[in-house]
N, C-alpha and C. Protein backbone atom coordinates (compact mmCIF):
# COMPACT_ATOMS: atom_id res chain seq x y z
N MET A 1 0.85 -1.18 0.00
CA MET A 1 0.00 0.00 0.00
C MET A 1 0.88 1.23 0.00
N THR A 2 0.59 2.05 -0.98
CA THR A 2 1.49 3.20 -1.17
C THR A 2 1.02 4.38 -0.36
N GLU A 3 1.95 5.06 0.25
CA GLU A 3 1.59 6.20 1.09
C GLU A 3 1.72 7.49 0.28
N GLU A 4 0.75 8.37 0.35
CA GLU A 4 0.79 9.66 -0.37
C GLU A 4 1.04 10.76 0.63
N THR A 5 1.87 11.65 0.13
CA THR A 5 2.19 12.80 1.00
C THR A 5 1.08 13.79 0.92
N PRO A 6 0.48 14.10 2.01
CA PRO A 6 -0.68 14.99 1.97
C PRO A 6 -0.28 16.42 1.60
N GLY A 7 -1.14 17.16 0.79
CA GLY A 7 -0.91 18.57 0.44
C GLY A 7 -0.10 18.81 -0.80
N PHE A 8 0.42 17.79 -1.45
CA PHE A 8 1.25 17.96 -2.65
C PHE A 8 0.67 17.16 -3.76
N GLU A 9 0.57 17.80 -4.99
CA GLU A 9 0.09 17.11 -6.17
C GLU A 9 1.22 17.07 -7.19
N GLU A 10 1.37 15.96 -7.78
CA GLU A 10 2.44 15.78 -8.77
C GLU A 10 1.99 16.35 -10.10
N LYS A 11 2.75 17.29 -10.68
CA LYS A 11 2.45 17.95 -11.96
C LYS A 11 3.18 17.26 -13.08
N PRO A 12 2.48 17.11 -14.16
CA PRO A 12 3.16 16.45 -15.30
C PRO A 12 4.26 17.33 -15.87
N ASP A 13 5.24 16.68 -16.47
CA ASP A 13 6.35 17.46 -17.09
C ASP A 13 5.83 18.22 -18.29
N VAL A 14 6.25 19.48 -18.42
CA VAL A 14 5.83 20.35 -19.55
C VAL A 14 6.97 20.43 -20.53
N PRO A 15 6.70 20.00 -21.76
CA PRO A 15 7.80 20.05 -22.75
C PRO A 15 8.24 21.48 -22.99
N SER A 16 9.55 21.60 -23.37
CA SER A 16 10.12 22.92 -23.67
C SER A 16 9.43 23.50 -24.88
N GLY A 17 9.07 24.78 -24.80
CA GLY A 17 8.43 25.47 -25.92
C GLY A 17 6.95 25.28 -25.97
N ALA A 18 6.37 24.64 -24.97
CA ALA A 18 4.92 24.44 -24.96
C ALA A 18 4.34 25.11 -23.74
N THR A 19 3.15 25.57 -23.91
CA THR A 19 2.44 26.18 -22.79
C THR A 19 1.97 25.08 -21.88
N PRO A 20 1.61 25.48 -20.69
CA PRO A 20 1.19 24.41 -19.78
C PRO A 20 0.02 23.65 -20.29
N ASP A 21 -0.86 24.26 -21.11
CA ASP A 21 -2.04 23.53 -21.60
C ASP A 21 -1.76 22.76 -22.86
N GLY A 22 -0.46 22.68 -23.23
CA GLY A 22 -0.08 21.85 -24.37
C GLY A 22 0.09 22.62 -25.65
N ALA A 23 -0.26 23.93 -25.69
CA ALA A 23 -0.08 24.72 -26.93
C ALA A 23 1.33 25.25 -27.00
N GLU A 24 1.89 25.20 -28.18
CA GLU A 24 3.26 25.70 -28.35
C GLU A 24 3.26 27.22 -28.29
N SER A 25 4.32 27.80 -27.67
CA SER A 25 4.43 29.27 -27.58
C SER A 25 4.84 29.84 -28.92
N LYS A 26 4.26 30.94 -29.24
CA LYS A 26 4.61 31.64 -30.49
C LYS A 26 5.24 32.98 -30.14
N ALA A 27 6.28 33.34 -30.93
CA ALA A 27 6.95 34.64 -30.70
C ALA A 27 6.03 35.77 -31.11
N ALA A 28 5.99 36.85 -30.30
CA ALA A 28 5.15 38.02 -30.60
C ALA A 28 5.71 38.74 -31.82
N PRO A 29 4.82 39.20 -32.70
CA PRO A 29 5.33 39.91 -33.89
C PRO A 29 6.05 41.18 -33.48
N SER A 30 7.11 41.55 -34.29
CA SER A 30 7.92 42.76 -34.01
C SER A 30 7.07 43.98 -34.17
N ALA A 31 7.26 44.97 -33.28
CA ALA A 31 6.46 46.21 -33.33
C ALA A 31 6.78 47.00 -34.59
N ASN A 32 8.05 47.04 -35.03
CA ASN A 32 8.46 47.75 -36.25
C ASN A 32 8.93 46.73 -37.25
N ALA A 33 8.13 46.45 -38.26
CA ALA A 33 8.54 45.49 -39.30
C ALA A 33 9.76 46.01 -40.02
N GLU A 34 10.58 45.09 -40.49
CA GLU A 34 11.82 45.45 -41.17
C GLU A 34 11.49 46.22 -42.45
N GLY A 35 12.16 47.39 -42.66
CA GLY A 35 11.97 48.19 -43.85
C GLY A 35 10.90 49.24 -43.71
N ALA A 36 10.12 49.28 -42.66
CA ALA A 36 9.07 50.28 -42.49
C ALA A 36 9.65 51.51 -41.82
N ALA A 37 9.33 52.73 -42.33
CA ALA A 37 9.86 53.97 -41.77
C ALA A 37 9.14 54.31 -40.50
N PRO A 38 9.82 54.89 -39.53
CA PRO A 38 9.15 55.33 -38.31
C PRO A 38 8.07 56.34 -38.64
N ALA A 39 7.08 56.43 -37.84
CA ALA A 39 5.94 57.30 -38.12
C ALA A 39 6.33 58.77 -38.13
N GLY A 40 7.36 59.20 -37.37
CA GLY A 40 7.72 60.62 -37.28
C GLY A 40 8.68 61.09 -38.35
N ASP A 41 9.24 60.21 -39.22
CA ASP A 41 10.23 60.62 -40.21
C ASP A 41 9.63 61.56 -41.24
N GLY A 42 8.43 61.35 -41.73
CA GLY A 42 7.81 62.22 -42.73
C GLY A 42 7.64 63.64 -42.23
N ALA A 43 7.20 63.78 -41.00
CA ALA A 43 7.02 65.12 -40.43
C ALA A 43 8.37 65.83 -40.27
N ALA A 44 9.39 65.05 -39.89
CA ALA A 44 10.72 65.66 -39.73
C ALA A 44 11.26 66.15 -41.06
N ASP A 45 11.07 65.37 -42.15
CA ASP A 45 11.53 65.79 -43.47
C ASP A 45 10.80 67.05 -43.94
N ALA A 46 9.51 67.12 -43.72
CA ALA A 46 8.74 68.31 -44.10
C ALA A 46 9.24 69.54 -43.36
N GLY A 47 9.58 69.35 -42.08
CA GLY A 47 10.11 70.47 -41.31
C GLY A 47 11.45 70.95 -41.84
N LEU A 48 12.32 70.02 -42.24
CA LEU A 48 13.62 70.39 -42.80
C LEU A 48 13.46 71.13 -44.12
N VAL A 49 12.54 70.67 -44.96
CA VAL A 49 12.29 71.34 -46.25
C VAL A 49 11.80 72.76 -46.02
N ALA A 50 10.90 72.94 -45.05
CA ALA A 50 10.39 74.27 -44.75
C ALA A 50 11.51 75.18 -44.26
N GLN A 51 12.38 74.64 -43.39
CA GLN A 51 13.51 75.44 -42.90
C GLN A 51 14.46 75.81 -44.03
N LEU A 52 14.69 74.85 -44.95
CA LEU A 52 15.56 75.11 -46.09
C LEU A 52 14.99 76.21 -46.98
N ASP A 53 13.68 76.18 -47.20
CA ASP A 53 13.04 77.23 -47.99
C ASP A 53 13.19 78.59 -47.32
N GLN A 54 13.05 78.63 -46.01
CA GLN A 54 13.22 79.89 -45.30
C GLN A 54 14.64 80.42 -45.43
N VAL A 55 15.61 79.52 -45.33
CA VAL A 55 17.01 79.93 -45.46
C VAL A 55 17.29 80.47 -46.86
N ARG A 56 16.75 79.78 -47.88
CA ARG A 56 16.95 80.24 -49.26
C ARG A 56 16.31 81.61 -49.48
N THR A 57 15.12 81.81 -48.93
CA THR A 57 14.46 83.10 -49.06
C THR A 57 15.27 84.20 -48.38
N ALA A 58 15.76 83.91 -47.18
CA ALA A 58 16.57 84.90 -46.46
C ALA A 58 17.86 85.20 -47.22
N LEU A 59 18.47 84.16 -47.80
CA LEU A 59 19.70 84.35 -48.56
C LEU A 59 19.44 85.22 -49.79
N GLY A 60 18.32 84.98 -50.48
CA GLY A 60 17.99 85.81 -51.64
C GLY A 60 17.78 87.26 -51.26
N GLU A 61 17.10 87.49 -50.12
CA GLU A 61 16.88 88.86 -49.68
C GLU A 61 18.20 89.55 -49.32
N ARG A 62 19.09 88.82 -48.63
CA ARG A 62 20.37 89.42 -48.25
C ARG A 62 21.23 89.69 -49.49
N THR A 63 21.16 88.79 -50.47
CA THR A 63 21.92 89.00 -51.71
C THR A 63 21.42 90.24 -52.44
N ALA A 64 20.10 90.40 -52.52
CA ALA A 64 19.52 91.59 -53.17
C ALA A 64 19.93 92.86 -52.42
N ASP A 65 19.93 92.81 -51.07
CA ASP A 65 20.36 93.96 -50.28
C ASP A 65 21.81 94.31 -50.57
N LEU A 66 22.66 93.29 -50.66
CA LEU A 66 24.07 93.51 -50.92
C LEU A 66 24.28 94.12 -52.31
N GLN A 67 23.57 93.60 -53.30
CA GLN A 67 23.69 94.15 -54.65
C GLN A 67 23.22 95.60 -54.70
N ARG A 68 22.15 95.91 -53.99
CA ARG A 68 21.66 97.28 -53.96
C ARG A 68 22.67 98.21 -53.29
N LEU A 69 23.28 97.75 -52.20
CA LEU A 69 24.28 98.56 -51.51
C LEU A 69 25.51 98.78 -52.38
N GLN A 70 25.91 97.73 -53.11
CA GLN A 70 27.05 97.88 -54.01
C GLN A 70 26.76 98.90 -55.10
N ALA A 71 25.55 98.85 -55.67
CA ALA A 71 25.18 99.81 -56.72
C ALA A 71 25.15 101.23 -56.16
N GLU A 72 24.60 101.39 -54.96
CA GLU A 72 24.56 102.71 -54.35
C GLU A 72 25.96 103.23 -54.06
N TYR A 73 26.86 102.33 -53.65
CA TYR A 73 28.23 102.75 -53.36
C TYR A 73 28.95 103.17 -54.63
N GLN A 74 28.74 102.43 -55.73
CA GLN A 74 29.36 102.79 -57.00
C GLN A 74 28.84 104.15 -57.48
N ASN A 75 27.53 104.37 -57.35
CA ASN A 75 26.97 105.67 -57.73
C ASN A 75 27.55 106.78 -56.86
N TYR A 76 27.71 106.50 -55.59
CA TYR A 76 28.30 107.49 -54.67
C TYR A 76 29.73 107.82 -55.07
N ARG A 77 30.51 106.79 -55.40
CA ARG A 77 31.90 107.04 -55.81
C ARG A 77 31.97 107.87 -57.08
N ARG A 78 31.09 107.53 -58.06
CA ARG A 78 31.09 108.31 -59.30
C ARG A 78 30.68 109.76 -59.05
N ARG A 79 29.68 109.94 -58.17
CA ARG A 79 29.23 111.30 -57.87
C ARG A 79 30.32 112.09 -57.17
N VAL A 80 31.01 111.47 -56.23
CA VAL A 80 32.10 112.15 -55.52
C VAL A 80 33.23 112.50 -56.48
N GLU A 81 33.57 111.57 -57.38
CA GLU A 81 34.63 111.84 -58.34
C GLU A 81 34.23 112.97 -59.29
N ARG A 82 32.97 112.95 -59.74
CA ARG A 82 32.49 114.02 -60.63
C ARG A 82 32.51 115.37 -59.90
N ASP A 83 32.09 115.38 -58.65
CA ASP A 83 32.10 116.63 -57.89
C ASP A 83 33.53 117.11 -57.64
N ARG A 84 34.43 116.16 -57.40
CA ARG A 84 35.82 116.54 -57.16
C ARG A 84 36.42 117.20 -58.40
N ILE A 85 36.14 116.61 -59.57
CA ILE A 85 36.66 117.19 -60.81
C ILE A 85 36.05 118.56 -61.06
N ALA A 86 34.73 118.68 -60.81
CA ALA A 86 34.07 119.97 -61.02
C ALA A 86 34.65 121.04 -60.11
N VAL A 87 34.87 120.70 -58.84
CA VAL A 87 35.44 121.67 -57.90
C VAL A 87 36.84 122.08 -58.34
N LYS A 88 37.62 121.11 -58.81
CA LYS A 88 38.98 121.41 -59.27
C LYS A 88 38.94 122.34 -60.48
N GLU A 89 38.04 122.06 -61.44
CA GLU A 89 37.94 122.90 -62.63
C GLU A 89 37.50 124.31 -62.27
N ILE A 90 36.56 124.42 -61.34
CA ILE A 90 36.10 125.75 -60.93
C ILE A 90 37.22 126.53 -60.25
N ALA A 91 37.99 125.85 -59.40
CA ALA A 91 39.10 126.53 -58.72
C ALA A 91 40.15 127.00 -59.72
N ILE A 92 40.47 126.15 -60.70
CA ILE A 92 41.46 126.54 -61.71
C ILE A 92 40.92 127.69 -62.56
N ALA A 93 39.64 127.60 -62.93
CA ALA A 93 39.04 128.67 -63.74
C ALA A 93 39.06 130.00 -62.99
N ASN A 94 38.76 129.98 -61.69
CA ASN A 94 38.77 131.22 -60.89
C ASN A 94 40.18 131.79 -60.83
N LEU A 95 41.16 130.92 -60.64
CA LEU A 95 42.55 131.39 -60.57
C LEU A 95 42.99 132.00 -61.89
N LEU A 96 42.69 131.31 -63.00
CA LEU A 96 43.13 131.80 -64.30
C LEU A 96 42.36 133.06 -64.71
N THR A 97 41.11 133.19 -64.26
CA THR A 97 40.35 134.40 -64.56
C THR A 97 41.03 135.62 -63.94
N GLU A 98 41.54 135.46 -62.73
CA GLU A 98 42.28 136.55 -62.09
C GLU A 98 43.60 136.85 -62.80
N LEU A 99 44.10 135.86 -63.55
CA LEU A 99 45.38 136.02 -64.23
C LEU A 99 45.23 136.63 -65.63
N LEU A 100 44.00 136.69 -66.15
CA LEU A 100 43.80 137.17 -67.52
C LEU A 100 44.30 138.61 -67.75
N PRO A 101 44.07 139.56 -66.83
CA PRO A 101 44.61 140.91 -67.07
C PRO A 101 46.14 140.91 -67.24
N VAL A 102 46.82 140.05 -66.51
CA VAL A 102 48.27 139.95 -66.67
C VAL A 102 48.61 139.44 -68.07
N LEU A 103 47.89 138.44 -68.54
CA LEU A 103 48.13 137.92 -69.88
C LEU A 103 47.80 138.95 -70.95
N ASP A 104 46.78 139.77 -70.70
CA ASP A 104 46.47 140.85 -71.64
C ASP A 104 47.63 141.84 -71.71
N ASP A 105 48.20 142.19 -70.57
CA ASP A 105 49.35 143.10 -70.55
C ASP A 105 50.53 142.49 -71.31
N VAL A 106 50.75 141.21 -71.10
CA VAL A 106 51.84 140.53 -71.82
C VAL A 106 51.59 140.60 -73.33
N GLY A 107 50.35 140.36 -73.75
CA GLY A 107 50.03 140.42 -75.18
C GLY A 107 50.24 141.80 -75.76
N ARG A 108 49.82 142.84 -75.07
CA ARG A 108 50.03 144.20 -75.57
C ARG A 108 51.50 144.55 -75.63
N ALA A 109 52.25 144.11 -74.61
CA ALA A 109 53.69 144.37 -74.63
C ALA A 109 54.35 143.67 -75.81
N ARG A 110 53.91 142.50 -76.13
CA ARG A 110 54.47 141.77 -77.28
C ARG A 110 54.13 142.49 -78.59
N GLU A 111 52.91 142.99 -78.72
CA GLU A 111 52.52 143.69 -79.94
C GLU A 111 53.33 144.96 -80.15
N HIS A 112 53.70 145.62 -79.08
CA HIS A 112 54.45 146.88 -79.18
C HIS A 112 55.96 146.67 -79.10
N GLY A 113 56.40 145.42 -79.10
CA GLY A 113 57.84 145.16 -79.07
C GLY A 113 58.50 145.45 -77.75
N GLU A 114 57.73 145.47 -76.67
CA GLU A 114 58.27 145.79 -75.35
C GLU A 114 58.56 144.54 -74.52
N LEU A 115 58.35 143.37 -75.10
CA LEU A 115 58.57 142.13 -74.35
C LEU A 115 60.03 141.72 -74.53
N VAL A 116 60.92 142.31 -73.72
CA VAL A 116 62.36 142.07 -73.85
C VAL A 116 62.96 141.82 -72.47
N GLY A 117 64.17 141.31 -72.47
CA GLY A 117 64.93 141.14 -71.24
C GLY A 117 64.28 140.19 -70.25
N GLY A 118 64.43 140.52 -68.98
CA GLY A 118 63.89 139.69 -67.91
C GLY A 118 62.37 139.63 -67.92
N PHE A 119 61.73 140.74 -68.35
CA PHE A 119 60.28 140.76 -68.43
C PHE A 119 59.78 139.71 -69.42
N LYS A 120 60.50 139.53 -70.51
CA LYS A 120 60.11 138.52 -71.50
C LYS A 120 60.17 137.11 -70.91
N SER A 121 61.24 136.83 -70.15
CA SER A 121 61.38 135.50 -69.55
C SER A 121 60.27 135.22 -68.55
N VAL A 122 59.95 136.21 -67.71
CA VAL A 122 58.89 136.02 -66.73
C VAL A 122 57.54 135.85 -67.42
N ALA A 123 57.28 136.67 -68.44
CA ALA A 123 56.00 136.60 -69.15
C ALA A 123 55.82 135.25 -69.82
N GLU A 124 56.85 134.76 -70.43
CA GLU A 124 56.76 133.46 -71.09
C GLU A 124 56.56 132.33 -70.08
N SER A 125 57.16 132.46 -68.90
CA SER A 125 56.96 131.46 -67.86
C SER A 125 55.50 131.45 -67.38
N VAL A 126 54.93 132.65 -67.23
CA VAL A 126 53.53 132.73 -66.82
C VAL A 126 52.63 132.10 -67.87
N GLU A 127 52.87 132.37 -69.14
CA GLU A 127 52.07 131.79 -70.22
C GLU A 127 52.21 130.27 -70.25
N THR A 128 53.42 129.78 -69.99
CA THR A 128 53.64 128.33 -69.99
C THR A 128 52.87 127.66 -68.86
N VAL A 129 52.91 128.26 -67.67
CA VAL A 129 52.18 127.69 -66.53
C VAL A 129 50.68 127.69 -66.80
N ALA A 130 50.17 128.79 -67.36
CA ALA A 130 48.74 128.87 -67.66
C ALA A 130 48.34 127.81 -68.69
N ALA A 131 49.19 127.59 -69.68
CA ALA A 131 48.89 126.57 -70.69
C ALA A 131 48.90 125.17 -70.08
N LYS A 132 49.81 124.90 -69.15
CA LYS A 132 49.85 123.60 -68.48
C LYS A 132 48.58 123.36 -67.65
N MET A 133 48.00 124.43 -67.17
CA MET A 133 46.77 124.30 -66.38
C MET A 133 45.53 124.18 -67.26
N GLY A 134 45.74 124.17 -68.57
CA GLY A 134 44.63 123.94 -69.50
C GLY A 134 44.08 125.18 -70.16
N LEU A 135 44.68 126.35 -69.94
CA LEU A 135 44.17 127.58 -70.52
C LEU A 135 44.50 127.63 -72.01
N GLN A 136 43.48 127.91 -72.83
CA GLN A 136 43.65 128.00 -74.28
C GLN A 136 43.13 129.35 -74.76
N GLN A 137 43.89 129.99 -75.63
CA GLN A 137 43.48 131.27 -76.20
C GLN A 137 42.78 131.03 -77.53
N PHE A 138 41.77 131.82 -77.83
CA PHE A 138 41.08 131.69 -79.12
C PHE A 138 40.63 133.05 -79.60
N GLY A 139 40.30 133.11 -80.88
CA GLY A 139 39.85 134.35 -81.51
C GLY A 139 40.84 134.78 -82.58
N LYS A 140 40.39 134.75 -83.84
CA LYS A 140 41.26 135.15 -84.96
C LYS A 140 40.48 136.04 -85.92
N GLU A 141 41.18 136.95 -86.53
CA GLU A 141 40.56 137.80 -87.53
C GLU A 141 40.11 136.97 -88.73
N GLY A 142 38.95 137.29 -89.27
CA GLY A 142 38.44 136.61 -90.44
C GLY A 142 37.53 135.44 -90.15
N GLU A 143 37.41 135.01 -88.89
CA GLU A 143 36.53 133.89 -88.60
C GLU A 143 35.10 134.38 -88.42
N PRO A 144 34.12 133.54 -88.74
CA PRO A 144 32.72 133.96 -88.60
C PRO A 144 32.40 134.31 -87.15
N PHE A 145 31.53 135.29 -86.98
CA PHE A 145 31.12 135.70 -85.64
C PHE A 145 30.21 134.66 -85.03
N ASP A 146 30.53 134.23 -83.80
CA ASP A 146 29.74 133.25 -83.07
C ASP A 146 29.39 133.87 -81.71
N PRO A 147 28.13 134.20 -81.49
CA PRO A 147 27.77 134.89 -80.24
C PRO A 147 28.02 134.06 -78.98
N THR A 148 28.22 132.75 -79.12
CA THR A 148 28.48 131.93 -77.93
C THR A 148 29.92 132.05 -77.45
N ILE A 149 30.82 132.50 -78.32
CA ILE A 149 32.23 132.63 -77.91
C ILE A 149 32.80 134.01 -78.22
N HIS A 150 32.05 134.84 -78.93
CA HIS A 150 32.52 136.19 -79.27
C HIS A 150 31.62 137.23 -78.63
N GLU A 151 32.22 138.34 -78.27
CA GLU A 151 31.48 139.50 -77.78
C GLU A 151 31.80 140.67 -78.69
N ALA A 152 30.81 141.15 -79.45
CA ALA A 152 31.02 142.22 -80.42
C ALA A 152 31.02 143.57 -79.71
N LEU A 153 32.15 144.29 -79.78
CA LEU A 153 32.26 145.61 -79.18
C LEU A 153 32.18 146.72 -80.23
N MET A 154 32.43 146.38 -81.48
CA MET A 154 32.36 147.34 -82.58
C MET A 154 31.64 146.68 -83.75
N HIS A 155 30.94 147.51 -84.52
CA HIS A 155 30.14 146.98 -85.63
C HIS A 155 30.31 147.89 -86.85
N SER A 156 30.43 147.29 -88.01
CA SER A 156 30.56 148.05 -89.26
C SER A 156 30.06 147.19 -90.41
N TYR A 157 30.07 147.79 -91.64
CA TYR A 157 29.71 147.07 -92.86
C TYR A 157 30.94 147.01 -93.75
N ALA A 158 31.02 145.94 -94.51
CA ALA A 158 32.16 145.78 -95.42
C ALA A 158 31.66 145.12 -96.70
N PRO A 159 32.18 145.56 -97.86
CA PRO A 159 31.72 144.99 -99.12
C PRO A 159 32.30 143.62 -99.43
N ASP A 160 33.36 143.26 -98.73
CA ASP A 160 34.06 142.01 -99.07
C ASP A 160 33.73 140.85 -98.14
N VAL A 161 32.66 140.97 -97.34
CA VAL A 161 32.26 139.86 -96.46
C VAL A 161 30.86 139.42 -96.87
N THR A 162 30.61 138.14 -96.74
CA THR A 162 29.29 137.58 -97.08
C THR A 162 28.49 137.17 -95.85
N GLU A 163 29.09 137.29 -94.68
CA GLU A 163 28.41 136.99 -93.42
C GLU A 163 29.07 137.82 -92.33
N THR A 164 28.43 137.86 -91.17
CA THR A 164 29.00 138.62 -90.06
C THR A 164 30.34 138.01 -89.67
N THR A 165 31.39 138.84 -89.74
CA THR A 165 32.75 138.32 -89.61
C THR A 165 33.52 139.14 -88.59
N CYS A 166 34.40 138.46 -87.85
CA CYS A 166 35.30 139.14 -86.92
C CYS A 166 36.44 139.76 -87.74
N VAL A 167 36.50 141.09 -87.74
CA VAL A 167 37.54 141.76 -88.54
C VAL A 167 38.68 142.26 -87.67
N ALA A 168 38.50 142.27 -86.36
CA ALA A 168 39.57 142.68 -85.45
C ALA A 168 39.35 142.02 -84.10
N ILE A 169 40.45 141.57 -83.48
CA ILE A 169 40.38 140.96 -82.15
C ILE A 169 40.87 142.00 -81.15
N LEU A 170 39.94 142.55 -80.38
CA LEU A 170 40.27 143.56 -79.39
C LEU A 170 40.86 142.93 -78.13
N GLN A 171 40.34 141.82 -77.73
CA GLN A 171 40.88 141.04 -76.62
C GLN A 171 40.66 139.57 -76.94
N PRO A 172 41.69 138.73 -76.84
CA PRO A 172 41.49 137.32 -77.13
C PRO A 172 40.59 136.66 -76.10
N GLY A 173 39.93 135.60 -76.51
CA GLY A 173 39.12 134.82 -75.58
C GLY A 173 39.94 133.69 -74.99
N TYR A 174 39.45 133.16 -73.87
CA TYR A 174 40.15 132.06 -73.21
C TYR A 174 39.14 131.00 -72.79
N ARG A 175 39.56 129.75 -72.86
CA ARG A 175 38.72 128.63 -72.44
C ARG A 175 39.58 127.60 -71.73
N ILE A 176 38.92 126.78 -70.93
CA ILE A 176 39.55 125.61 -70.30
C ILE A 176 38.72 124.41 -70.71
N GLY A 177 39.25 123.59 -71.58
CA GLY A 177 38.47 122.49 -72.11
C GLY A 177 37.31 123.03 -72.92
N GLU A 178 36.09 122.66 -72.53
CA GLU A 178 34.89 123.16 -73.19
C GLU A 178 34.30 124.37 -72.46
N ARG A 179 34.91 124.79 -71.38
CA ARG A 179 34.38 125.90 -70.58
C ARG A 179 35.01 127.21 -71.05
N THR A 180 34.19 128.14 -71.49
CA THR A 180 34.68 129.46 -71.88
C THR A 180 34.72 130.35 -70.64
N ILE A 181 35.91 130.83 -70.28
CA ILE A 181 36.01 131.68 -69.10
C ILE A 181 36.02 133.17 -69.48
N ARG A 182 36.27 133.47 -70.78
CA ARG A 182 36.07 134.83 -71.26
C ARG A 182 35.90 134.79 -72.77
N PRO A 183 34.81 135.39 -73.28
CA PRO A 183 34.64 135.40 -74.73
C PRO A 183 35.65 136.33 -75.40
N ALA A 184 35.92 136.08 -76.66
CA ALA A 184 36.80 136.96 -77.41
C ALA A 184 36.05 138.26 -77.72
N ARG A 185 36.65 139.38 -77.41
CA ARG A 185 36.03 140.69 -77.66
C ARG A 185 36.52 141.18 -79.02
N VAL A 186 35.58 141.40 -79.92
CA VAL A 186 35.95 141.59 -81.33
C VAL A 186 35.18 142.76 -81.92
N ALA A 187 35.70 143.19 -83.08
CA ALA A 187 34.98 144.10 -83.96
C ALA A 187 34.47 143.29 -85.13
N VAL A 188 33.20 143.48 -85.48
CA VAL A 188 32.59 142.67 -86.53
C VAL A 188 32.16 143.56 -87.69
N ALA A 189 32.09 142.94 -88.84
CA ALA A 189 31.61 143.61 -90.04
C ALA A 189 30.55 142.75 -90.69
N GLU A 190 29.50 143.40 -91.17
CA GLU A 190 28.43 142.70 -91.86
C GLU A 190 28.45 143.08 -93.34
N PRO A 191 27.86 142.24 -94.17
CA PRO A 191 27.77 142.62 -95.59
C PRO A 191 26.97 143.90 -95.76
N GLN A 192 27.39 144.76 -96.71
CA GLN A 192 26.65 145.98 -96.96
C GLN A 192 25.24 145.67 -97.48
N PRO A 193 24.25 146.43 -97.09
CA PRO A 193 22.89 146.19 -97.58
C PRO A 193 22.85 146.20 -99.11
N GLY A 194 22.26 145.18 -99.71
CA GLY A 194 22.17 145.07 -101.16
C GLY A 194 23.36 144.42 -101.80
N ALA A 195 24.45 144.22 -101.03
CA ALA A 195 25.64 143.62 -101.62
C ALA A 195 25.40 142.18 -102.01
N GLN A 196 24.61 141.45 -101.22
CA GLN A 196 24.34 140.05 -101.52
C GLN A 196 23.53 139.94 -102.80
N ILE A 197 22.58 140.87 -103.01
CA ILE A 197 21.77 140.83 -104.23
C ILE A 197 22.65 141.06 -105.46
N LYS A 198 23.55 142.04 -105.37
CA LYS A 198 24.46 142.31 -106.48
C LYS A 198 25.37 141.11 -106.74
N ALA A 199 25.81 140.47 -105.67
CA ALA A 199 26.67 139.30 -105.83
C ALA A 199 25.92 138.17 -106.52
N ASP A 200 24.65 137.99 -106.17
CA ASP A 200 23.85 136.94 -106.81
C ASP A 200 23.62 137.26 -108.28
N GLU A 201 23.37 138.55 -108.59
CA GLU A 201 23.17 138.94 -109.99
C GLU A 201 24.44 138.73 -110.80
N ALA A 202 25.58 139.04 -110.20
CA ALA A 202 26.85 138.85 -110.91
C ALA A 202 27.09 137.38 -111.15
N THR A 203 26.75 136.53 -110.18
CA THR A 203 26.93 135.10 -110.35
C THR A 203 26.04 134.56 -111.47
N GLU A 204 24.79 135.02 -111.52
CA GLU A 204 23.88 134.59 -112.57
C GLU A 204 24.36 135.04 -113.94
N ALA A 205 24.88 136.27 -114.03
CA ALA A 205 25.39 136.77 -115.30
C ALA A 205 26.58 135.96 -115.78
N ALA A 206 27.45 135.58 -114.85
CA ALA A 206 28.60 134.77 -115.23
C ALA A 206 28.17 133.40 -115.70
N ASP A 207 27.15 132.83 -115.06
CA ASP A 207 26.65 131.52 -115.49
C ASP A 207 26.04 131.59 -116.89
N ASP A 208 25.29 132.68 -117.16
CA ASP A 208 24.69 132.84 -118.47
C ASP A 208 25.75 132.98 -119.54
N LYS A 209 26.80 133.71 -119.22
CA LYS A 209 27.87 133.93 -120.20
C LYS A 209 28.56 132.62 -120.54
N GLU A 210 28.79 131.79 -119.51
CA GLU A 210 29.44 130.50 -119.74
C GLU A 210 28.56 129.55 -120.54
N SER A 211 27.24 129.67 -120.39
CA SER A 211 26.33 128.77 -121.09
C SER A 211 25.91 129.28 -122.47
N GLY A 212 26.45 130.43 -122.90
CA GLY A 212 26.13 130.97 -124.21
C GLY A 212 25.05 131.99 -124.22
N GLY A 213 24.69 132.52 -123.08
CA GLY A 213 23.70 133.58 -122.99
C GLY A 213 22.31 133.00 -122.83
N PRO A 214 21.33 133.85 -122.57
CA PRO A 214 19.96 133.40 -122.37
C PRO A 214 19.35 132.93 -123.69
N ASP A 215 18.38 132.04 -123.61
CA ASP A 215 17.73 131.50 -124.81
C ASP A 215 16.95 132.61 -125.51
N GLU A 216 17.03 132.64 -126.83
CA GLU A 216 16.29 133.63 -127.62
C GLU A 216 15.10 132.95 -128.26
N GLY A 217 13.93 133.62 -128.33
CA GLY A 217 12.74 133.02 -128.88
C GLY A 217 12.76 133.04 -130.38
């Protein structure tokens, strides 16, 4: 007769890999299947693209600002250079304008044969310096009268001119480049009234003579 130990029940052996009720254990499926992207990756990429667009926009704006500043600086430099040249030309013109009476005296002395000795050397030096500074003399007898560069102080008629002509230079004119600092003061002569008509008639008569005279009916 076999004796049983009270309070203890003998449990059957459970094979490895099986549940106590005899069903085999199965591994739980992986939460993230292989090759599937995490759920937050798409949102992160969209955020990066948005940030990149913002950076590109900011870069474009800063580039445009820089280009505008460069253009403004170039315009400023050109304006300053233009103003500097203008101020220099005005200063030189003012200086040479004050020197014109001296040059007039030198010219009169030369015309009268008084430009001799040490005075001649000094006068020529003054003329040389003025020429180096850009001073140019103009005004010649026989040239057509131009009111933009000539100032008529005397007026007469002459039979041998066909237009208003400078017949005497009372004071030469001076210019610096294209800037006239004093017009040439001149005496002018105009054609005598009716002289042009006579000249035209003489020209027509000469033409008729060369062609054999006027046609006869």
